[in-house]
Amino acid sequence: MQEILRIVVRDIYKTGDEAVFLSHIKRIEEAAVDSIYTDLRLRGTDEWTEVLVKEKASNFVTSLLTSFTFDRI
């Protein structure tokens, strides 16, 4: 997942300025978190475990995406 995001981020990095870049990152983050909460189904787990996994996955995605910065040197 991390490598796929690097490729996507690299491509959007080349498409505009910092504001455009950050808006794309925010959009990807929101879509990923929404997808985790609506589409992730864990068979054989209770509701508490599913909520915990979704929260951890969402935090991972948010941390990963917000670690990308726009730095045109």
Protein backbone atom coordinates (compact mmCIF):
# COMPACT_ATOMS: atom_id res chain seq x y z
CA MET A 1 0.00 0.00 0.00
CA GLN A 2 2.79 2.37 0.88
CA GLU A 3 4.50 1.91 -2.50
CA ILE A 4 1.25 2.52 -4.38
CA LEU A 5 0.72 5.73 -2.46
CA ARG A 6 4.27 6.86 -3.20
CA ILE A 7 3.63 6.45 -6.93
CA VAL A 8 0.31 8.30 -6.73
CA VAL A 9 1.80 11.09 -4.63
CA ARG A 10 4.79 11.40 -6.95
CA ASP A 11 2.46 11.82 -9.90
CA ILE A 12 0.28 14.46 -8.24
CA TYR A 13 3.41 16.24 -6.99
CA LYS A 14 4.28 16.95 -10.60
CA THR A 15 0.86 18.36 -11.48
CA GLY A 16 0.78 21.71 -9.71
CA ASP A 17 1.68 23.93 -6.85
CA GLU A 18 1.59 23.26 -3.11
CA ALA A 19 -2.11 24.11 -2.69
CA VAL A 20 -3.09 21.70 -5.46
CA PHE A 21 -0.81 19.02 -4.06
CA LEU A 22 -2.21 19.35 -0.53
CA SER A 23 -5.81 19.31 -1.76
CA HIS A 24 -5.13 16.07 -3.67
CA ILE A 25 -3.53 14.50 -0.59
CA LYS A 26 -6.53 15.52 1.55
CA ARG A 27 -8.96 14.10 -1.00
CA ILE A 28 -7.08 10.78 -1.12
CA GLU A 29 -6.96 10.63 2.68
CA GLU A 30 -10.69 11.29 3.02
CA ALA A 31 -11.56 8.70 0.37
CA ALA A 32 -9.29 6.08 1.95
CA VAL A 33 -10.68 6.59 5.45
CA ASP A 34 -14.24 6.55 4.13
CA SER A 35 -13.50 3.33 2.26
CA ILE A 36 -12.05 1.71 5.38
CA TYR A 37 -15.12 2.55 7.43
CA THR A 38 -17.68 1.55 4.79
CA ASP A 39 -16.05 -1.38 3.01
CA LEU A 40 -13.88 -3.18 5.56
CA ARG A 41 -15.61 -6.31 6.83
CA LEU A 42 -13.89 -8.67 9.20
CA ARG A 43 -15.43 -12.12 9.35
CA GLY A 44 -15.61 -13.80 12.70
CA THR A 45 -14.86 -10.73 14.78
CA ASP A 46 -16.98 -8.82 17.20
CA GLU A 47 -17.99 -5.21 16.70
CA TRP A 48 -15.35 -3.89 19.13
CA THR A 49 -12.53 -5.60 17.20
CA GLU A 50 -13.85 -4.32 13.88
CA VAL A 51 -14.05 -0.74 15.18
CA LEU A 52 -10.52 -1.00 16.60
CA VAL A 53 -9.10 -2.34 13.33
CA LYS A 54 -10.86 0.36 11.32
CA GLU A 55 -9.55 3.05 13.66
CA LYS A 56 -5.98 1.72 13.47
CA ALA A 57 -6.15 1.43 9.66
CA SER A 58 -7.54 4.95 9.34
CA ASN A 59 -4.81 6.33 11.61
CA PHE A 60 -2.17 4.54 9.53
CA VAL A 61 -3.50 6.01 6.28
CA THR A 62 -3.74 9.50 7.77
CA SER A 63 -0.22 9.32 9.20
CA LEU A 64 1.20 8.03 5.96
CA LEU A 65 -0.49 10.61 3.75
CA THR A 66 0.21 13.57 5.99
CA SER A 67 3.89 12.63 6.02
CA PHE A 68 4.21 13.70 2.38
CA THR A 69 5.32 17.29 1.92
CA PHE A 70 5.59 19.61 -1.04
CA ASP A 71 9.20 20.69 -1.43
CA ARG A 72 10.27 22.12 -4.76
CA ILE A 73 13.93 22.95 -4.38
